[in-house]
Amino acid sequence: MNDLAHNLIILLNKNILDDVILSVKADSDVITPKEWNYTTDKIFLSFDIDIKKLKAFIEKNVIDYDKNKLTSCSGFMWLGDDN
C-alpha cells in the first residue's frame, strides 16, 4: 500500500502541478488498521498551493462557480453552504 501511495504522489506531481498547485506530498505512511481488510487503509496528502494565485483564479471564475454549484432541485436537496 505504501508503494501504491508513493506512486500516486509521483503521478500527481507529474500531472497536476501548475501555477496554483506547487507540490503534493504525503503527511505520513499509509495508515493500516489492525483488522486489515483493504477498505480501511488511508493516506493523508498535503497540497502546497500559491494562495494569491488561487484567490485570483477563484475571483476570475466566480461566475462559472455560481453557475455550476450544487443547488436544490426536484429530487435533490442541497444542504451545503451556498457561500
PDB file of N, CA and C in Angstrom:
ATOM      1  N   MET A   1       0.823  -1.193   0.000  1.00  0.00           N
ATOM      2  CA  MET A   1       0.000   0.000   0.000  1.00  0.00           C
ATOM      3  C   MET A   1       0.869   1.261   0.000  1.00  0.00           C
ATOM      4  N   ASN A   2       1.993   1.197   0.719  1.00  0.00           N
ATOM      5  CA  ASN A   2       2.895   2.347   0.710  1.00  0.00           C
ATOM      6  C   ASN A   2       3.465   2.597  -0.678  1.00  0.00           C
ATOM      7  N   ASP A   3       3.766   1.523  -1.413  1.00  0.00           N
ATOM      8  CA  ASP A   3       4.265   1.675  -2.780  1.00  0.00           C
ATOM      9  C   ASP A   3       3.204   2.309  -3.679  1.00  0.00           C
ATOM     10  N   LEU A   4       1.962   1.884  -3.528  1.00  0.00           N
ATOM     11  CA  LEU A   4       0.873   2.491  -4.304  1.00  0.00           C
ATOM     12  C   LEU A   4       0.731   3.972  -3.976  1.00  0.00           C
ATOM     13  N   ALA A   5       0.791   4.302  -2.697  1.00  0.00           N
ATOM     14  CA  ALA A   5       0.687   5.699  -2.283  1.00  0.00           C
ATOM     15  C   ALA A   5       1.853   6.512  -2.836  1.00  0.00           C
ATOM     16  N   HIS A   6       3.050   5.945  -2.782  1.00  0.00           N
ATOM     17  CA  HIS A   6       4.228   6.626  -3.314  1.00  0.00           C
ATOM     18  C   HIS A   6       4.058   6.894  -4.812  1.00  0.00           C
ATOM     19  N   ASN A   7       3.578   5.896  -5.549  1.00  0.00           N
ATOM     20  CA  ASN A   7       3.359   6.072  -6.991  1.00  0.00           C
ATOM     21  C   ASN A   7       2.262   7.090  -7.274  1.00  0.00           C
ATOM     22  N   LEU A   8       1.236   7.130  -6.423  1.00  0.00           N
ATOM     23  CA  LEU A   8       0.184   8.142  -6.585  1.00  0.00           C
ATOM     24  C   LEU A   8       0.766   9.540  -6.456  1.00  0.00           C
ATOM     25  N   ILE A   9       1.611   9.749  -5.476  1.00  0.00           N
ATOM     26  CA  ILE A   9       2.214  11.066  -5.274  1.00  0.00           C
ATOM     27  C   ILE A   9       3.081  11.444  -6.465  1.00  0.00           C
ATOM     28  N   ILE A  10       3.843  10.500  -6.999  1.00  0.00           N
ATOM     29  CA  ILE A  10       4.647  10.759  -8.198  1.00  0.00           C
ATOM     30  C   ILE A  10       3.735  11.142  -9.357  1.00  0.00           C
ATOM     31  N   LEU A  11       2.659  10.382  -9.556  1.00  0.00           N
ATOM     32  CA  LEU A  11       1.711  10.659 -10.626  1.00  0.00           C
ATOM     33  C   LEU A  11       1.099  12.048 -10.479  1.00  0.00           C
ATOM     34  N   LEU A  12       0.676  12.389  -9.271  1.00  0.00           N
ATOM     35  CA  LEU A  12       0.083  13.714  -9.047  1.00  0.00           C
ATOM     36  C   LEU A  12       1.090  14.820  -9.303  1.00  0.00           C
ATOM     37  N   ASN A  13       2.311  14.649  -8.822  1.00  0.00           N
ATOM     38  CA  ASN A  13       3.328  15.685  -9.023  1.00  0.00           C
ATOM     39  C   ASN A  13       3.714  15.852 -10.486  1.00  0.00           C
ATOM     40  N   LYS A  14       3.614  14.800 -11.266  1.00  0.00           N
ATOM     41  CA  LYS A  14       3.948  14.897 -12.689  1.00  0.00           C
ATOM     42  C   LYS A  14       2.797  15.462 -13.513  1.00  0.00           C
ATOM     43  N   ASN A  15       1.548  15.329 -13.037  1.00  0.00           N
ATOM     44  CA  ASN A  15       0.409  15.633 -13.892  1.00  0.00           C
ATOM     45  C   ASN A  15      -0.501  16.766 -13.449  1.00  0.00           C
ATOM     46  N   ILE A  16      -0.459  17.181 -12.198  1.00  0.00           N
ATOM     47  CA  ILE A  16      -1.408  18.231 -11.811  1.00  0.00           C
ATOM     48  C   ILE A  16      -0.752  19.519 -11.361  1.00  0.00           C
ATOM     49  N   LEU A  17       0.559  19.584 -11.352  1.00  0.00           N
ATOM     50  CA  LEU A  17       1.202  20.808 -10.898  1.00  0.00           C
ATOM     51  C   LEU A  17       1.003  21.922 -11.916  1.00  0.00           C
ATOM     52  N   ASP A  18       0.735  23.113 -11.395  1.00  0.00           N
ATOM     53  CA  ASP A  18       0.546  24.277 -12.251  1.00  0.00           C
ATOM     54  C   ASP A  18       0.952  25.508 -11.445  1.00  0.00           C
ATOM     55  N   ASP A  19       0.461  26.685 -11.822  1.00  0.00           N
ATOM     56  CA  ASP A  19       0.801  27.901 -11.092  1.00  0.00           C
ATOM     57  C   ASP A  19       0.177  27.932  -9.699  1.00  0.00           C
ATOM     58  N   VAL A  20      -0.924  27.211  -9.506  1.00  0.00           N
ATOM     59  CA  VAL A  20      -1.631  27.223  -8.217  1.00  0.00           C
ATOM     60  C   VAL A  20      -1.154  26.075  -7.333  1.00  0.00           C
ATOM     61  N   ILE A  21      -1.159  24.848  -7.847  1.00  0.00           N
ATOM     62  CA  ILE A  21      -0.713  23.685  -7.080  1.00  0.00           C
ATOM     63  C   ILE A  21       0.781  23.520  -7.315  1.00  0.00           C
ATOM     64  N   LEU A  22       1.556  23.699  -6.260  1.00  0.00           N
ATOM     65  CA  LEU A  22       3.008  23.684  -6.384  1.00  0.00           C
ATOM     66  C   LEU A  22       3.605  22.307  -6.137  1.00  0.00           C
ATOM     67  N   SER A  23       3.026  21.545  -5.211  1.00  0.00           N
ATOM     68  CA  SER A  23       3.520  20.194  -4.943  1.00  0.00           C
ATOM     69  C   SER A  23       2.490  19.417  -4.138  1.00  0.00           C
ATOM     70  N   VAL A  24       2.649  18.095  -4.175  1.00  0.00           N
ATOM     71  CA  VAL A  24       1.801  17.178  -3.413  1.00  0.00           C
ATOM     72  C   VAL A  24       2.733  16.267  -2.636  1.00  0.00           C
ATOM     73  N   LYS A  25       2.431  16.073  -1.349  1.00  0.00           N
ATOM     74  CA  LYS A  25       3.260  15.170  -0.550  1.00  0.00           C
ATOM     75  C   LYS A  25       2.385  14.447   0.464  1.00  0.00           C
ATOM     76  N   ALA A  26       2.879  13.332   0.954  1.00  0.00           N
ATOM     77  CA  ALA A  26       2.161  12.553   1.965  1.00  0.00           C
ATOM     78  C   ALA A  26       2.495  13.093   3.344  1.00  0.00           C
ATOM     79  N   ASP A  27       1.497  13.121   4.209  1.00  0.00           N
ATOM     80  CA  ASP A  27       1.728  13.530   5.591  1.00  0.00           C
ATOM     81  C   ASP A  27       2.358  12.416   6.419  1.00  0.00           C
ATOM     82  N   SER A  28       2.185  11.168   5.987  1.00  0.00           N
ATOM     83  CA  SER A  28       2.729  10.017   6.707  1.00  0.00           C
ATOM     84  C   SER A  28       2.681   8.813   5.778  1.00  0.00           C
ATOM     85  N   ASP A  29       3.096   7.664   6.268  1.00  0.00           N
ATOM     86  CA  ASP A  29       2.909   6.424   5.522  1.00  0.00           C
ATOM     87  C   ASP A  29       1.428   6.066   5.522  1.00  0.00           C
ATOM     88  N   VAL A  30       1.083   5.078   4.754  1.00  0.00           N
ATOM     89  CA  VAL A  30      -0.293   4.591   4.714  1.00  0.00           C
ATOM     90  C   VAL A  30      -0.679   4.099   6.108  1.00  0.00           C
ATOM     91  N   ILE A  31      -1.868   4.475   6.526  1.00  0.00           N
ATOM     92  CA  ILE A  31      -2.390   4.029   7.820  1.00  0.00           C
ATOM     93  C   ILE A  31      -3.176   2.748   7.583  1.00  0.00           C
ATOM     94  N   THR A  32      -2.748   1.684   8.226  1.00  0.00           N
ATOM     95  CA  THR A  32      -3.389   0.382   8.071  1.00  0.00           C
ATOM     96  C   THR A  32      -3.885  -0.084   9.438  1.00  0.00           C
ATOM     97  N   PRO A  33      -5.189  -0.139   9.628  1.00  0.00           N
ATOM     98  CA  PRO A  33      -5.713  -0.600  10.919  1.00  0.00           C
ATOM     99  C   PRO A  33      -5.322  -2.043  11.216  1.00  0.00           C
ATOM    100  N   LYS A  34      -5.436  -2.409  12.462  1.00  0.00           N
ATOM    101  CA  LYS A  34      -5.065  -3.757  12.904  1.00  0.00           C
ATOM    102  C   LYS A  34      -5.872  -4.829  12.168  1.00  0.00           C
ATOM    103  N   GLU A  35      -7.167  -4.594  12.016  1.00  0.00           N
ATOM    104  CA  GLU A  35      -8.034  -5.538  11.294  1.00  0.00           C
ATOM    105  C   GLU A  35      -7.985  -5.171   9.817  1.00  0.00           C
ATOM    106  N   TRP A  36      -7.015  -5.673   9.126  1.00  0.00           N
ATOM    107  CA  TRP A  36      -6.747  -5.267   7.754  1.00  0.00           C
ATOM    108  C   TRP A  36      -7.734  -5.890   6.788  1.00  0.00           C
ATOM    109  N   ASN A  37      -8.397  -5.069   5.986  1.00  0.00           N
ATOM    110  CA  ASN A  37      -9.385  -5.581   5.038  1.00  0.00           C
ATOM    111  C   ASN A  37      -9.374  -4.820   3.705  1.00  0.00           C
ATOM    112  N   TYR A  38      -8.346  -4.124   3.411  1.00  0.00           N
ATOM    113  CA  TYR A  38      -8.153  -3.361   2.161  1.00  0.00           C
ATOM    114  C   TYR A  38      -9.049  -2.139   2.031  1.00  0.00           C
ATOM    115  N   THR A  39     -10.128  -2.037   2.790  1.00  0.00           N
ATOM    116  CA  THR A  39     -11.049  -0.917   2.606  1.00  0.00           C
ATOM    117  C   THR A  39     -10.828   0.195   3.615  1.00  0.00           C
ATOM    118  N   THR A  40     -10.042  -0.059   4.639  1.00  0.00           N
ATOM    119  CA  THR A  40      -9.864   0.958   5.669  1.00  0.00           C
ATOM    120  C   THR A  40      -8.476   1.584   5.659  1.00  0.00           C
ATOM    121  N   ASP A  41      -7.613   1.186   4.726  1.00  0.00           N
ATOM    122  CA  ASP A  41      -6.303   1.814   4.604  1.00  0.00           C
ATOM    123  C   ASP A  41      -6.507   3.240   4.099  1.00  0.00           C
ATOM    124  N   LYS A  42      -5.663   4.142   4.556  1.00  0.00           N
ATOM    125  CA  LYS A  42      -5.785   5.532   4.087  1.00  0.00           C
ATOM    126  C   LYS A  42      -4.445   6.229   4.169  1.00  0.00           C
ATOM    127  N   ILE A  43      -4.343   7.290   3.394  1.00  0.00           N
ATOM    128  CA  ILE A  43      -3.173   8.155   3.447  1.00  0.00           C
ATOM    129  C   ILE A  43      -3.677   9.585   3.348  1.00  0.00           C
ATOM    130  N   PHE A  44      -3.005  10.465   4.043  1.00  0.00           N
ATOM    131  CA  PHE A  44      -3.376  11.873   4.021  1.00  0.00           C
ATOM    132  C   PHE A  44      -2.347  12.628   3.196  1.00  0.00           C
ATOM    133  N   LEU A  45      -2.827  13.433   2.254  1.00  0.00           N
ATOM    134  CA  LEU A  45      -1.962  14.188   1.367  1.00  0.00           C
ATOM    135  C   LEU A  45      -2.044  15.671   1.685  1.00  0.00           C
ATOM    136  N   SER A  46      -0.950  16.371   1.459  1.00  0.00           N
ATOM    137  CA  SER A  46      -0.908  17.818   1.587  1.00  0.00           C
ATOM    138  C   SER A  46      -0.621  18.417   0.215  1.00  0.00           C
ATOM    139  N   PHE A  47      -1.367  19.438  -0.126  1.00  0.00           N
ATOM    140  CA  PHE A  47      -1.166  20.161  -1.368  1.00  0.00           C
ATOM    141  C   PHE A  47      -0.582  21.524  -1.021  1.00  0.00           C
ATOM    142  N   ASP A  48       0.627  21.805  -1.508  1.00  0.00           N
ATOM    143  CA  ASP A  48       1.202  23.137  -1.337  1.00  0.00           C
ATOM    144  C   ASP A  48       0.689  24.000  -2.476  1.00  0.00           C
ATOM    145  N   ILE A  49       0.072  25.127  -2.117  1.00  0.00           N
ATOM    146  CA  ILE A  49      -0.541  25.981  -3.131  1.00  0.00           C
ATOM    147  C   ILE A  49      -0.049  27.415  -2.996  1.00  0.00           C
ATOM    148  N   ASP A  50      -0.143  28.145  -4.094  1.00  0.00           N
ATOM    149  CA  ASP A  50       0.120  29.584  -4.095  1.00  0.00           C
ATOM    150  C   ASP A  50      -1.220  30.253  -3.831  1.00  0.00           C
ATOM    151  N   ILE A  51      -1.429  30.722  -2.611  1.00  0.00           N
ATOM    152  CA  ILE A  51      -2.728  31.226  -2.187  1.00  0.00           C
ATOM    153  C   ILE A  51      -3.150  32.469  -2.988  1.00  0.00           C
ATOM    154  N   LYS A  52      -2.205  33.323  -3.348  1.00  0.00           N
ATOM    155  CA  LYS A  52      -2.553  34.527  -4.128  1.00  0.00           C
ATOM    156  C   LYS A  52      -3.087  34.134  -5.502  1.00  0.00           C
ATOM    157  N   LYS A  53      -2.449  33.164  -6.146  1.00  0.00           N
ATOM    158  CA  LYS A  53      -2.901  32.726  -7.464  1.00  0.00           C
ATOM    159  C   LYS A  53      -4.225  31.972  -7.364  1.00  0.00           C
ATOM    160  N   LEU A  54      -4.428  31.232  -6.272  1.00  0.00           N
ATOM    161  CA  LEU A  54      -5.701  30.550  -6.075  1.00  0.00           C
ATOM    162  C   LEU A  54      -6.834  31.559  -5.908  1.00  0.00           C
ATOM    163  N   LYS A  55      -6.613  32.586  -5.111  1.00  0.00           N
ATOM    164  CA  LYS A  55      -7.639  33.617  -4.928  1.00  0.00           C
ATOM    165  C   LYS A  55      -7.938  34.322  -6.250  1.00  0.00           C
ATOM    166  N   ALA A  56      -6.898  34.618  -7.033  1.00  0.00           N
ATOM    167  CA  ALA A  56      -7.095  35.269  -8.334  1.00  0.00           C
ATOM    168  C   ALA A  56      -7.890  34.360  -9.271  1.00  0.00           C
ATOM    169  N   PHE A  57      -7.590  33.052  -9.259  1.00  0.00           N
ATOM    170  CA  PHE A  57      -8.325  32.098 -10.092  1.00  0.00           C
ATOM    171  C   PHE A  57      -9.793  32.055  -9.688  1.00  0.00           C
ATOM    172  N   ILE A  58     -10.057  32.031  -8.391  1.00  0.00           N
ATOM    173  CA  ILE A  58     -11.445  31.985  -7.911  1.00  0.00           C
ATOM    174  C   ILE A  58     -12.188  33.250  -8.314  1.00  0.00           C
ATOM    175  N   GLU A  59     -11.570  34.410  -8.118  1.00  0.00           N
ATOM    176  CA  GLU A  59     -12.217  35.670  -8.489  1.00  0.00           C
ATOM    177  C   GLU A  59     -12.496  35.730  -9.989  1.00  0.00           C
ATOM    178  N   LYS A  60     -11.565  35.243 -10.795  1.00  0.00           N
ATOM    179  CA  LYS A  60     -11.727  35.257 -12.250  1.00  0.00           C
ATOM    180  C   LYS A  60     -12.841  34.308 -12.705  1.00  0.00           C
ATOM    181  N   ASN A  61     -13.052  33.202 -11.973  1.00  0.00           N
ATOM    182  CA  ASN A  61     -14.008  32.177 -12.385  1.00  0.00           C
ATOM    183  C   ASN A  61     -15.238  32.081 -11.500  1.00  0.00           C
ATOM    184  N   VAL A  62     -15.519  33.110 -10.720  1.00  0.00           N
ATOM    185  CA  VAL A  62     -16.639  33.053  -9.782  1.00  0.00           C
ATOM    186  C   VAL A  62     -17.984  32.922 -10.504  1.00  0.00           C
ATOM    187  N   ILE A  63     -18.115  33.485 -11.688  1.00  0.00           N
ATOM    188  CA  ILE A  63     -19.380  33.366 -12.430  1.00  0.00           C
ATOM    189  C   ILE A  63     -19.626  31.914 -12.807  1.00  0.00           C
ATOM    190  N   ASP A  64     -18.594  31.213 -13.295  1.00  0.00           N
ATOM    191  CA  ASP A  64     -18.745  29.783 -13.605  1.00  0.00           C
ATOM    192  C   ASP A  64     -19.045  28.985 -12.353  1.00  0.00           C
ATOM    193  N   TYR A  65     -18.413  29.356 -11.241  1.00  0.00           N
ATOM    194  CA  TYR A  65     -18.679  28.649  -9.985  1.00  0.00           C
ATOM    195  C   TYR A  65     -20.144  28.819  -9.589  1.00  0.00           C
ATOM    196  N   ASP A  66     -20.617  30.057  -9.621  1.00  0.00           N
ATOM    197  CA  ASP A  66     -22.011  30.304  -9.244  1.00  0.00           C
ATOM    198  C   ASP A  66     -22.971  29.579 -10.174  1.00  0.00           C
ATOM    199  N   LYS A  67     -22.614  29.493 -11.456  1.00  0.00           N
ATOM    200  CA  LYS A  67     -23.481  28.840 -12.433  1.00  0.00           C
ATOM    201  C   LYS A  67     -23.505  27.327 -12.233  1.00  0.00           C
ATOM    202  N   ASN A  68     -22.389  26.738 -11.819  1.00  0.00           N
ATOM    203  CA  ASN A  68     -22.264  25.281 -11.756  1.00  0.00           C
ATOM    204  C   ASN A  68     -22.355  24.692 -10.358  1.00  0.00           C
ATOM    205  N   LYS A  69     -22.491  25.514  -9.320  1.00  0.00           N
ATOM    206  CA  LYS A  69     -22.509  24.941  -7.974  1.00  0.00           C
ATOM    207  C   LYS A  69     -23.810  24.196  -7.720  1.00  0.00           C
ATOM    208  N   LEU A  70     -23.756  23.302  -6.775  1.00  0.00           N
ATOM    209  CA  LEU A  70     -24.919  22.487  -6.460  1.00  0.00           C
ATOM    210  C   LEU A  70     -26.016  23.330  -5.816  1.00  0.00           C
ATOM    211  N   THR A  71     -27.226  23.095  -6.255  1.00  0.00           N
ATOM    212  CA  THR A  71     -28.391  23.735  -5.657  1.00  0.00           C
ATOM    213  C   THR A  71     -29.498  22.704  -5.555  1.00  0.00           C
ATOM    214  N   SER A  72     -30.469  22.982  -4.727  1.00  0.00           N
ATOM    215  CA  SER A  72     -31.601  22.068  -4.597  1.00  0.00           C
ATOM    216  C   SER A  72     -32.421  22.073  -5.877  1.00  0.00           C
ATOM    217  N   CYS A  73     -32.962  20.929  -6.212  1.00  0.00           N
ATOM    218  CA  CYS A  73     -33.856  20.795  -7.356  1.00  0.00           C
ATOM    219  C   CYS A  73     -34.774  19.617  -7.076  1.00  0.00           C
ATOM    220  N   SER A  74     -35.650  19.311  -7.977  1.00  0.00           N
ATOM    221  CA  SER A  74     -36.595  18.225  -7.781  1.00  0.00           C
ATOM    222  C   SER A  74     -35.851  16.914  -7.523  1.00  0.00           C
ATOM    223  N   GLY A  75     -36.090  16.288  -6.367  1.00  0.00           N
ATOM    224  CA  GLY A  75     -35.470  15.022  -6.027  1.00  0.00           C
ATOM    225  C   GLY A  75     -34.099  15.142  -5.386  1.00  0.00           C
ATOM    226  N   PHE A  76     -33.620  16.365  -5.189  1.00  0.00           N
ATOM    227  CA  PHE A  76     -32.297  16.560  -4.591  1.00  0.00           C
ATOM    228  C   PHE A  76     -32.328  17.785  -3.694  1.00  0.00           C
ATOM    229  N   MET A  77     -31.944  17.592  -2.433  1.00  0.00           N
ATOM    230  CA  MET A  77     -31.888  18.731  -1.507  1.00  0.00           C
ATOM    231  C   MET A  77     -30.436  19.029  -1.166  1.00  0.00           C
ATOM    232  N   TRP A  78     -29.952  20.211  -1.571  1.00  0.00           N
ATOM    233  CA  TRP A  78     -28.606  20.633  -1.284  1.00  0.00           C
ATOM    234  C   TRP A  78     -28.572  21.217   0.132  1.00  0.00           C
ATOM    235  N   LEU A  79     -27.721  20.652   0.984  1.00  0.00           N
ATOM    236  CA  LEU A  79     -27.615  21.105   2.369  1.00  0.00           C
ATOM    237  C   LEU A  79     -26.313  21.859   2.629  1.00  0.00           C
ATOM    238  N   GLY A  80     -25.552  22.066   1.582  1.00  0.00           N
ATOM    239  CA  GLY A  80     -24.262  22.753   1.746  1.00  0.00           C
ATOM    240  C   GLY A  80     -24.417  24.256   1.840  1.00  0.00           C
ATOM    241  N   ASP A  81     -23.332  24.893   2.191  1.00  0.00           N
ATOM    242  CA  ASP A  81     -23.277  26.353   2.302  1.00  0.00           C
ATOM    243  C   ASP A  81     -23.205  26.953   0.905  1.00  0.00           C
ATOM    244  N   ASP A  82     -24.083  27.845   0.584  1.00  0.00           N
ATOM    245  CA  ASP A  82     -24.109  28.463  -0.747  1.00  0.00           C
ATOM    246  C   ASP A  82     -22.999  29.490  -0.942  1.00  0.00           C
ATOM    247  N   ASN A  83     -22.379  29.907   0.146  1.00  0.00           N
ATOM    248  CA  ASN A  83     -21.308  30.890   0.025  1.00  0.00           C
ATOM    249  C   ASN A  83     -19.965  30.205   0.054  1.00  0.00           C
TER     250      ASN A  83
END
